[in-house]
Amino acid sequence: MTLAEIVQSMTLPMEVLAAVALFCLPLRRRGRLALWPAWYALCIALFYALFSTLAPRMGPRVVLVLLYSLGSYLCGLLFAVMCCRIKVSEALYAASSAYLTQHLSYCLYTLMVPGSAERLDFRPGWLYILIYGLVYAASYLLFARRLPTHGRYDLKVTHSIGMTAGALLVSLVFSSFAQQLQPENESLYRVSLLYAIAFCVYALWAQLSQQKRLTLRRDLDIQQQLWAQQKVQYETAMRNVDVINQKCHDLKHQIAALKLISDDAQRDSSIHSLEQSVLIYDAITESGNRILDAVLTEKTLLCEAKGIELTCMADGKCLEHMDAVDLYTIVGNILDNAVESAAQLPDPEQRTISFMAFSRAGLIFLQVENYYQGELSFDGALPRTSKADADYHGFGLKSIQNVAEKYGGFLTVQTEDHIFLLRVTLPEAESK
């Protein structure tokens, strides 16, 4: 394989990019789909410029093939980063899965068309289109569209690195050395192709199985959280009922007392007391979102019972695109953390919580501010729970972060002068 043949042929990077595009389709897009051909052409141009510059300095043939293959992989990685709103670890995962798909197609085609590996500048024929088309379509239907959850890959960084290492080891290194066998031992080379095919299918199927296990494990964790919180939620609900019952009881006696009062000053005082009793109902926010109204009503009653002042400014219409459970989870956890912190403050004037939900410049902001006492320790970007039974606590902020990332947003926490500021930033729903 001469340098001229490698530079002349752009088959491999084009195949890798096509496979990466399939794995990017179910992910959250960074821009319009119509821009993808432009990104595709840009990646091809960058690959050609870089490879044509570095290739003449490479000596052995195997090093040249490795450079060609690695450059094609990095080309696909760049395409995933430019087209999708995902982390680098997720882009690595998508590029590795796509490279496995391309390599599976390549090995099948090489088995059916002997000698094609030596002709990188060949003209695609009907058999090439058929094999690659069938493999790519099957890979999309079986793996690409089923691996993401809500447009994101639910995986750990170590999982992404392991996936990348496996794909590069077999598809790049092993195949590059295996090609050296073809001129001398055709049978051994064909066995290596069969091994590569088996590995690619197994690796892709293993990713799907791993995603299912992660989903089941996450569901189990949620069930454990719900079980640990059931008693607390029940006690909270009972306290809310007690608050309402107490208000109704007070109103009944105050109204009866009004009938017996003849003094104007005393009557005005009693009327003012009645107004204070019903302020809690005036505090219920009509945000334009039924789920958000329900959460705010529940937390307002909870704050009233604990002697906490909760003020809300919320535009619930900007949150209409969110799933009801996700919205209830994220706002409920935001306010639960604030209530728990404010309830520990000895100064009644500091027992206040401010909650806002609004949209601006294409972004949605959920923000809460409250005072806190003591010192906070952080685990990364999130405060670490101070409770003894940490196995069943500390999920609140993690749940908020998970929901935010699910919708392509993020969570930030700031502390200054014993004021805790939590902000969730989400992109607005794309217009259909």
Protein backbone atom coordinates (compact mmCIF):
# COMPACT_ATOMS: atom_id res chain seq x y z
CA MET A 1 0.00 0.00 0.00
CA THR A 2 1.64 3.21 -1.15
CA LEU A 3 1.20 6.63 0.35
CA ALA A 4 -0.45 7.81 -2.86
CA GLU A 5 -3.09 5.07 -2.63
CA ILE A 6 -3.89 5.92 0.99
CA VAL A 7 -4.11 9.65 0.40
CA GLN A 8 -6.16 9.08 -2.77
CA SER A 9 -8.74 6.94 -1.02
CA MET A 10 -11.08 8.51 1.54
CA THR A 11 -13.21 5.39 1.87
CA LEU A 12 -12.53 4.58 5.52
CA PRO A 13 -13.20 8.04 7.03
CA MET A 14 -16.35 8.38 4.92
CA GLU A 15 -17.58 4.98 6.12
CA VAL A 16 -16.81 5.82 9.76
CA LEU A 17 -18.54 9.19 9.50
CA ALA A 18 -21.62 7.58 7.98
CA ALA A 19 -21.76 5.10 10.86
CA VAL A 20 -21.24 7.86 13.45
CA ALA A 21 -24.09 9.82 11.87
CA LEU A 22 -26.40 6.84 12.43
CA PHE A 23 -25.45 6.65 16.10
CA CYS A 24 -25.90 10.42 16.44
CA LEU A 25 -29.44 10.47 15.03
CA PRO A 26 -31.14 9.41 18.32
CA LEU A 27 -29.00 11.81 20.39
CA ARG A 28 -29.72 15.42 21.31
CA ARG A 29 -28.65 17.56 18.38
CA ARG A 30 -26.49 20.62 18.75
CA GLY A 31 -27.93 22.27 15.65
CA ARG A 32 -30.15 21.53 12.69
CA LEU A 33 -29.90 18.23 10.88
CA ALA A 34 -29.43 20.15 7.62
CA LEU A 35 -25.98 21.27 8.85
CA TRP A 36 -24.67 17.73 9.18
CA PRO A 37 -23.45 17.44 5.57
CA ALA A 38 -21.35 20.57 6.13
CA TRP A 39 -19.81 19.10 9.30
CA TYR A 40 -19.27 15.85 7.38
CA ALA A 41 -17.37 17.65 4.63
CA LEU A 42 -15.35 19.65 7.18
CA CYS A 43 -14.23 16.49 8.97
CA ILE A 44 -13.20 14.89 5.69
CA ALA A 45 -11.21 17.99 4.74
CA LEU A 46 -9.46 18.09 8.13
CA PHE A 47 -8.63 14.41 7.87
CA TYR A 48 -7.14 14.82 4.40
CA ALA A 49 -5.10 17.85 5.44
CA LEU A 50 -3.74 16.21 8.58
CA PHE A 51 -3.04 12.82 7.05
CA SER A 52 -1.37 14.16 3.94
CA THR A 53 0.92 16.21 6.20
CA LEU A 54 1.88 13.44 8.64
CA ALA A 55 1.83 10.37 6.40
CA PRO A 56 5.11 11.10 4.52
CA ARG A 57 6.95 11.06 7.86
CA MET A 58 5.70 7.58 8.76
CA GLY A 59 8.05 4.72 7.92
CA PRO A 60 6.72 1.16 8.22
CA ARG A 61 3.54 0.18 6.41
CA VAL A 62 1.82 -0.96 9.61
CA VAL A 63 2.40 2.45 11.20
CA LEU A 64 0.89 4.11 8.15
CA VAL A 65 -2.20 1.90 8.34
CA LEU A 66 -2.55 2.61 12.06
CA LEU A 67 -2.36 6.35 11.41
CA TYR A 68 -4.97 6.05 8.68
CA SER A 69 -7.34 4.08 10.92
CA LEU A 70 -6.81 6.20 14.01
CA GLY A 71 -7.34 9.39 12.02
CA SER A 72 -10.64 8.02 10.71
CA TYR A 73 -11.75 7.23 14.25
CA LEU A 74 -10.84 10.73 15.50
CA CYS A 75 -12.67 12.15 12.50
CA GLY A 76 -15.83 10.38 13.64
CA LEU A 77 -15.29 11.53 17.23
CA LEU A 78 -15.05 15.15 16.09
CA PHE A 79 -18.24 14.78 14.07
CA ALA A 80 -20.14 13.44 17.13
CA VAL A 81 -18.93 16.34 19.29
CA MET A 82 -19.92 18.94 16.70
CA CYS A 83 -23.37 17.53 15.97
CA CYS A 84 -24.63 16.41 19.39
CA ARG A 85 -25.10 18.01 22.79
CA ILE A 86 -23.30 15.27 24.70
CA LYS A 87 -20.25 14.84 26.90
CA VAL A 88 -16.88 13.85 25.46
CA SER A 89 -17.23 10.43 27.13
CA GLU A 90 -20.54 9.94 25.31
CA ALA A 91 -18.97 11.03 22.03
CA LEU A 92 -16.22 8.46 22.56
CA TYR A 93 -18.89 5.84 23.15
CA ALA A 94 -20.80 6.78 19.98
CA ALA A 95 -17.63 6.88 17.86
CA SER A 96 -16.45 3.51 19.18
CA SER A 97 -19.83 1.87 18.53
CA ALA A 98 -19.86 3.36 15.05
CA TYR A 99 -16.32 2.17 14.35
CA LEU A 100 -17.33 -1.35 15.36
CA THR A 101 -20.23 -1.15 12.89
CA GLN A 102 -17.93 0.03 10.10
CA HIS A 103 -15.37 -2.66 10.88
CA LEU A 104 -18.05 -5.36 10.89
CA SER A 105 -19.16 -4.23 7.41
CA TYR A 106 -15.56 -4.09 6.20
CA CYS A 107 -14.78 -7.63 7.39
CA LEU A 108 -17.92 -9.07 5.79
CA TYR A 109 -17.17 -7.35 2.50
CA THR A 110 -13.54 -8.48 2.57
CA LEU A 111 -14.59 -12.08 3.13
CA MET A 112 -16.97 -11.98 0.17
CA VAL A 113 -14.64 -9.97 -2.09
CA PRO A 114 -11.09 -11.28 -1.55
CA GLY A 115 -8.33 -8.77 -2.14
CA SER A 116 -10.54 -5.72 -1.56
CA ALA A 117 -8.41 -4.74 1.43
CA GLU A 118 -5.55 -3.99 -0.94
CA ARG A 119 -7.67 -1.71 -3.14
CA LEU A 120 -8.61 1.26 -0.97
CA ASP A 121 -9.35 3.31 -4.07
CA PHE A 122 -11.87 0.85 -5.51
CA ARG A 123 -15.17 1.95 -7.01
CA PRO A 124 -18.16 0.90 -4.84
CA GLY A 125 -20.29 -1.73 -6.54
CA TRP A 126 -23.70 -3.16 -5.84
CA LEU A 127 -22.31 -5.81 -3.43
CA TYR A 128 -20.48 -3.15 -1.44
CA ILE A 129 -23.61 -1.00 -1.18
CA LEU A 130 -25.75 -4.03 -0.26
CA ILE A 131 -23.46 -5.31 2.52
CA TYR A 132 -22.76 -1.94 4.07
CA GLY A 133 -26.39 -0.86 3.73
CA LEU A 134 -27.73 -3.98 5.44
CA VAL A 135 -25.16 -3.90 8.26
CA TYR A 136 -25.63 -0.17 8.91
CA ALA A 137 -29.43 -0.48 8.87
CA ALA A 138 -29.35 -3.47 11.24
CA SER A 139 -26.91 -1.68 13.55
CA TYR A 140 -29.18 1.36 13.71
CA LEU A 141 -32.34 -0.64 14.39
CA LEU A 142 -30.78 -3.04 16.90
CA PHE A 143 -28.28 -0.81 18.70
CA ALA A 144 -28.01 2.88 17.76
CA ARG A 145 -31.64 3.84 18.46
CA ARG A 146 -31.93 1.64 21.56
CA LEU A 147 -28.76 2.61 23.41
CA PRO A 148 -29.60 6.25 24.35
CA THR A 149 -32.12 7.32 26.98
CA HIS A 150 -33.84 10.62 26.21
CA GLY A 151 -31.09 11.58 23.79
CA ARG A 152 -28.18 10.82 26.11
CA TYR A 153 -26.03 7.80 26.97
CA ASP A 154 -26.47 6.70 30.57
CA LEU A 155 -22.95 5.46 31.25
CA LYS A 156 -19.90 5.93 33.42
CA VAL A 157 -16.63 7.39 32.15
CA THR A 158 -14.84 4.09 32.87
CA HIS A 159 -17.37 2.27 30.71
CA SER A 160 -16.76 4.70 27.85
CA ILE A 161 -12.98 4.34 28.15
CA GLY A 162 -13.25 0.55 28.21
CA MET A 163 -15.48 0.55 25.16
CA THR A 164 -13.08 2.84 23.31
CA ALA A 165 -10.03 0.79 24.25
CA GLY A 166 -11.68 -2.44 23.09
CA ALA A 167 -12.78 -0.98 19.76
CA LEU A 168 -9.40 0.55 19.04
CA LEU A 169 -7.50 -2.56 20.09
CA VAL A 170 -9.40 -4.94 17.84
CA SER A 171 -10.49 -2.69 14.98
CA LEU A 172 -7.29 -0.68 14.66
CA VAL A 173 -4.31 -2.56 16.07
CA PHE A 174 -5.33 -6.16 15.50
CA SER A 175 -6.66 -5.52 12.01
CA SER A 176 -3.57 -3.57 11.01
CA PHE A 177 -1.30 -6.44 11.95
CA ALA A 178 -3.70 -9.00 10.50
CA GLN A 179 -3.43 -7.38 7.09
CA GLN A 180 0.25 -8.23 7.12
CA LEU A 181 -0.76 -11.90 7.00
CA GLN A 182 -2.74 -11.64 3.79
CA PRO A 183 0.09 -11.93 1.26
CA GLU A 184 1.70 -14.87 3.10
CA ASN A 185 -1.18 -16.73 4.74
CA GLU A 186 -4.60 -16.08 3.25
CA SER A 187 -6.34 -18.74 5.40
CA LEU A 188 -5.07 -17.29 8.67
CA TYR A 189 -6.10 -13.82 7.52
CA ARG A 190 -9.66 -15.01 6.80
CA VAL A 191 -9.82 -16.59 10.27
CA SER A 192 -8.79 -13.26 11.76
CA LEU A 193 -11.64 -11.62 9.83
CA LEU A 194 -14.14 -14.09 11.27
CA TYR A 195 -12.78 -13.40 14.74
CA ALA A 196 -13.16 -9.64 14.19
CA ILE A 197 -16.75 -10.10 12.99
CA ALA A 198 -17.61 -12.13 16.09
CA PHE A 199 -15.99 -9.54 18.36
CA CYS A 200 -17.84 -6.60 16.76
CA VAL A 201 -21.23 -8.31 17.08
CA TYR A 202 -20.50 -9.34 20.66
CA ALA A 203 -19.24 -5.88 21.65
CA LEU A 204 -22.30 -4.11 20.24
CA TRP A 205 -24.68 -6.59 21.85
CA ALA A 206 -22.83 -6.28 25.15
CA GLN A 207 -23.37 -2.51 25.10
CA LEU A 208 -27.11 -2.99 24.76
CA SER A 209 -27.14 -5.52 27.60
CA GLN A 210 -25.08 -3.17 29.75
CA GLN A 211 -27.56 -0.33 29.15
CA LYS A 212 -30.43 -2.59 30.22
CA ARG A 213 -28.57 -3.53 33.42
CA LEU A 214 -27.87 0.12 34.18
CA THR A 215 -31.55 0.95 33.68
CA LEU A 216 -32.63 -1.85 36.01
CA ARG A 217 -30.06 -0.80 38.61
CA ARG A 218 -31.23 2.81 38.42
CA ASP A 219 -34.85 1.72 38.85
CA LEU A 220 -33.83 -0.34 41.88
CA ASP A 221 -32.02 2.64 43.40
CA ILE A 222 -35.12 4.77 42.88
CA GLN A 223 -37.27 2.18 44.58
CA GLN A 224 -34.89 2.13 47.54
CA GLN A 225 -35.02 5.91 47.74
CA LEU A 226 -38.81 5.90 47.62
CA TRP A 227 -38.96 3.23 50.31
CA ALA A 228 -36.65 5.24 52.56
CA GLN A 229 -38.71 8.39 52.04
CA GLN A 230 -42.21 6.94 52.32
CA LYS A 231 -42.45 7.43 56.06
CA VAL A 232 -41.18 11.00 55.81
CA GLN A 233 -43.67 11.80 53.04
CA TYR A 234 -46.52 10.29 55.05
CA GLU A 235 -45.64 12.34 58.11
CA THR A 236 -45.37 15.46 55.94
CA ALA A 237 -48.81 14.84 54.44
CA MET A 238 -50.31 14.34 57.91
CA ARG A 239 -48.76 17.60 59.09
CA ASN A 240 -50.24 19.39 56.09
CA VAL A 241 -53.68 18.03 56.94
CA ASP A 242 -53.21 19.16 60.54
CA VAL A 243 -52.34 22.66 59.33
CA ILE A 244 -55.52 22.86 57.24
CA ASN A 245 -57.64 21.46 60.07
CA GLN A 246 -56.14 23.94 62.50
CA LYS A 247 -56.82 26.83 60.13
CA CYS A 248 -60.43 25.75 59.69
CA HIS A 249 -60.86 25.37 63.45
CA ASP A 250 -59.41 28.84 64.07
CA LEU A 251 -61.59 30.39 61.37
CA LYS A 252 -64.74 28.90 62.89
CA HIS A 253 -64.03 30.39 66.31
CA GLN A 254 -62.88 33.72 64.93
CA ILE A 255 -66.03 34.13 62.85
CA ALA A 256 -68.18 33.26 65.88
CA ALA A 257 -66.26 35.81 67.96
CA LEU A 258 -66.81 38.52 65.36
CA LYS A 259 -70.56 38.32 65.92
CA LEU A 260 -70.11 39.26 69.57
CA ILE A 261 -67.67 42.14 69.08
CA SER A 262 -69.13 45.64 69.16
CA ASP A 263 -65.92 47.62 69.54
CA ASP A 264 -64.65 48.78 66.14
CA ALA A 265 -60.96 48.58 67.07
CA GLN A 266 -61.29 45.07 68.40
CA ARG A 267 -63.33 44.07 65.36
CA ASP A 268 -60.60 45.42 63.04
CA SER A 269 -58.01 43.46 64.98
CA SER A 270 -60.01 40.24 64.60
CA ILE A 271 -60.52 40.84 60.89
CA HIS A 272 -56.75 41.31 60.50
CA SER A 273 -56.23 38.01 62.33
CA LEU A 274 -58.63 36.33 59.90
CA GLU A 275 -56.70 37.73 56.96
CA GLN A 276 -53.47 36.31 58.37
CA SER A 277 -55.12 32.91 58.74
CA VAL A 278 -56.02 32.71 55.06
CA LEU A 279 -52.75 34.12 53.70
CA ILE A 280 -51.52 30.60 53.12
CA TYR A 281 -54.18 30.11 50.45
CA ASP A 282 -53.24 33.37 48.77
CA ALA A 283 -49.63 32.15 48.66
CA ILE A 284 -50.57 29.31 46.31
CA THR A 285 -48.98 30.15 42.97
CA GLU A 286 -50.93 29.94 39.74
CA SER A 287 -47.99 29.38 37.44
CA GLY A 288 -49.84 28.06 34.41
CA ASN A 289 -48.53 24.54 34.97
CA ARG A 290 -50.73 22.11 36.88
CA ILE A 291 -47.85 19.93 38.12
CA LEU A 292 -45.78 22.90 39.27
CA ASP A 293 -48.83 24.35 41.06
CA ALA A 294 -49.32 21.06 42.90
CA VAL A 295 -45.69 20.96 44.07
CA LEU A 296 -45.72 24.59 45.19
CA THR A 297 -49.00 24.10 47.06
CA GLU A 298 -47.61 21.10 48.92
CA LYS A 299 -44.37 22.86 49.84
CA THR A 300 -46.21 26.05 50.86
CA LEU A 301 -48.24 24.06 53.38
CA LEU A 302 -45.09 22.36 54.59
CA CYS A 303 -43.34 25.72 55.08
CA GLU A 304 -46.36 27.10 56.94
CA ALA A 305 -46.22 24.18 59.35
CA LYS A 306 -42.49 24.73 59.97
CA GLY A 307 -42.67 28.51 60.32
CA ILE A 308 -40.83 29.16 57.04
CA GLU A 309 -41.72 31.94 54.59
CA LEU A 310 -41.75 30.70 50.99
CA THR A 311 -41.98 33.24 48.17
CA CYS A 312 -42.49 32.07 44.59
CA MET A 313 -42.23 33.72 41.19
CA ALA A 314 -42.84 31.03 38.61
CA ASP A 315 -43.74 30.88 34.94
CA GLY A 316 -44.84 27.29 34.60
CA LYS A 317 -45.61 27.53 30.89
CA CYS A 318 -41.92 27.28 30.00
CA LEU A 319 -41.84 23.85 31.70
CA GLU A 320 -44.73 22.31 29.76
CA HIS A 321 -42.35 20.11 27.73
CA MET A 322 -41.07 18.31 30.85
CA ASP A 323 -42.43 14.96 31.93
CA ALA A 324 -44.76 15.29 34.94
CA VAL A 325 -42.67 12.96 37.10
CA ASP A 326 -39.43 14.73 36.16
CA LEU A 327 -40.89 18.16 36.94
CA TYR A 328 -42.31 16.97 40.26
CA THR A 329 -38.99 15.33 41.12
CA ILE A 330 -36.74 18.26 40.29
CA VAL A 331 -38.85 21.02 41.92
CA GLY A 332 -39.79 18.84 44.87
CA ASN A 333 -36.18 18.00 45.62
CA ILE A 334 -35.09 21.62 45.18
CA LEU A 335 -37.62 22.84 47.73
CA ASP A 336 -37.22 19.86 50.10
CA ASN A 337 -33.50 20.61 50.45
CA ALA A 338 -34.22 24.29 51.07
CA VAL A 339 -36.94 23.53 53.66
CA GLU A 340 -34.68 21.09 55.48
CA SER A 341 -31.91 23.69 55.69
CA ALA A 342 -34.17 26.62 56.66
CA ALA A 343 -35.95 24.61 59.38
CA GLN A 344 -32.64 24.25 61.29
CA LEU A 345 -32.07 28.01 61.58
CA PRO A 346 -32.69 29.51 65.05
CA ASP A 347 -33.31 33.03 63.70
CA PRO A 348 -36.94 33.33 62.44
CA GLU A 349 -35.99 36.17 60.08
CA GLN A 350 -33.59 33.87 58.22
CA ARG A 351 -36.15 31.11 57.80
CA THR A 352 -37.05 32.25 54.30
CA ILE A 353 -36.93 30.58 50.90
CA SER A 354 -37.09 32.27 47.50
CA PHE A 355 -38.02 30.15 44.47
CA MET A 356 -38.08 31.34 40.85
CA ALA A 357 -38.81 29.64 37.53
CA PHE A 358 -38.45 31.68 34.35
CA SER A 359 -37.10 31.59 30.80
CA ARG A 360 -34.66 33.98 29.18
CA ALA A 361 -32.57 33.97 25.99
CA GLY A 362 -33.56 30.42 25.04
CA LEU A 363 -32.82 28.99 28.50
CA ILE A 364 -35.02 27.97 31.43
CA PHE A 365 -33.88 28.72 34.97
CA LEU A 366 -35.08 27.07 38.18
CA GLN A 367 -33.53 28.87 41.14
CA VAL A 368 -33.84 28.72 44.91
CA GLU A 369 -32.10 30.80 47.61
CA ASN A 370 -32.08 30.18 51.34
CA TYR A 371 -29.93 30.70 54.41
CA TYR A 372 -28.01 27.85 56.00
CA GLN A 373 -25.90 27.34 59.09
CA GLY A 374 -22.67 25.46 59.68
CA GLU A 375 -20.07 24.53 57.09
CA LEU A 376 -20.74 22.62 53.89
CA SER A 377 -18.37 20.01 52.48
CA PHE A 378 -18.49 19.21 48.79
CA ASP A 379 -18.16 15.98 46.86
CA GLY A 380 -17.14 17.34 43.48
CA ALA A 381 -19.63 20.06 42.53
CA LEU A 382 -22.35 18.92 44.96
CA PRO A 383 -22.57 19.36 48.74
CA ARG A 384 -22.02 16.16 50.71
CA THR A 385 -24.85 15.02 52.98
CA SER A 386 -24.18 15.42 56.70
CA LYS A 387 -26.64 12.71 57.74
CA ALA A 388 -25.41 9.54 59.38
CA ASP A 389 -27.41 7.20 57.14
CA ALA A 390 -25.80 8.47 53.95
CA ASP A 391 -26.88 5.37 52.03
CA TYR A 392 -30.47 6.62 52.06
CA HIS A 393 -29.81 10.36 51.92
CA GLY A 394 -27.97 12.66 49.57
CA PHE A 395 -30.05 11.53 46.60
CA GLY A 396 -31.87 14.88 46.32
CA LEU A 397 -29.16 16.86 44.56
CA LYS A 398 -28.12 13.82 42.51
CA SER A 399 -31.73 13.40 41.35
CA ILE A 400 -31.87 17.09 40.41
CA GLN A 401 -28.61 16.75 38.48
CA ASN A 402 -29.77 13.60 36.68
CA VAL A 403 -33.05 15.19 35.57
CA ALA A 404 -31.23 18.35 34.44
CA GLU A 405 -28.75 16.34 32.35
CA LYS A 406 -31.61 14.28 30.93
CA TYR A 407 -32.99 17.47 29.34
CA GLY A 408 -29.56 18.71 28.24
CA GLY A 409 -29.11 21.09 31.18
CA PHE A 410 -26.91 21.33 34.26
CA LEU A 411 -26.96 22.09 37.97
CA THR A 412 -24.85 24.74 39.72
CA VAL A 413 -24.49 25.41 43.45
CA GLN A 414 -23.05 28.58 45.01
CA THR A 415 -22.53 29.52 48.66
CA GLU A 416 -21.65 32.95 50.01
CA ASP A 417 -22.23 34.57 53.42
CA HIS A 418 -24.30 31.55 54.51
CA ILE A 419 -26.65 31.97 51.56
CA PHE A 420 -27.20 28.82 49.51
CA LEU A 421 -28.00 29.39 45.81
CA LEU A 422 -29.05 26.45 43.66
CA ARG A 423 -29.74 26.98 39.97
CA VAL A 424 -30.86 24.50 37.32
CA THR A 425 -30.35 25.65 33.74
CA LEU A 426 -32.25 23.89 30.96
CA PRO A 427 -32.54 24.57 27.23
CA GLU A 428 -35.98 25.57 26.02
CA ALA A 429 -37.94 22.96 24.12
CA GLU A 430 -37.18 22.94 20.42
CA SER A 431 -40.09 24.13 18.32
CA LYS A 432 -41.54 21.40 16.18
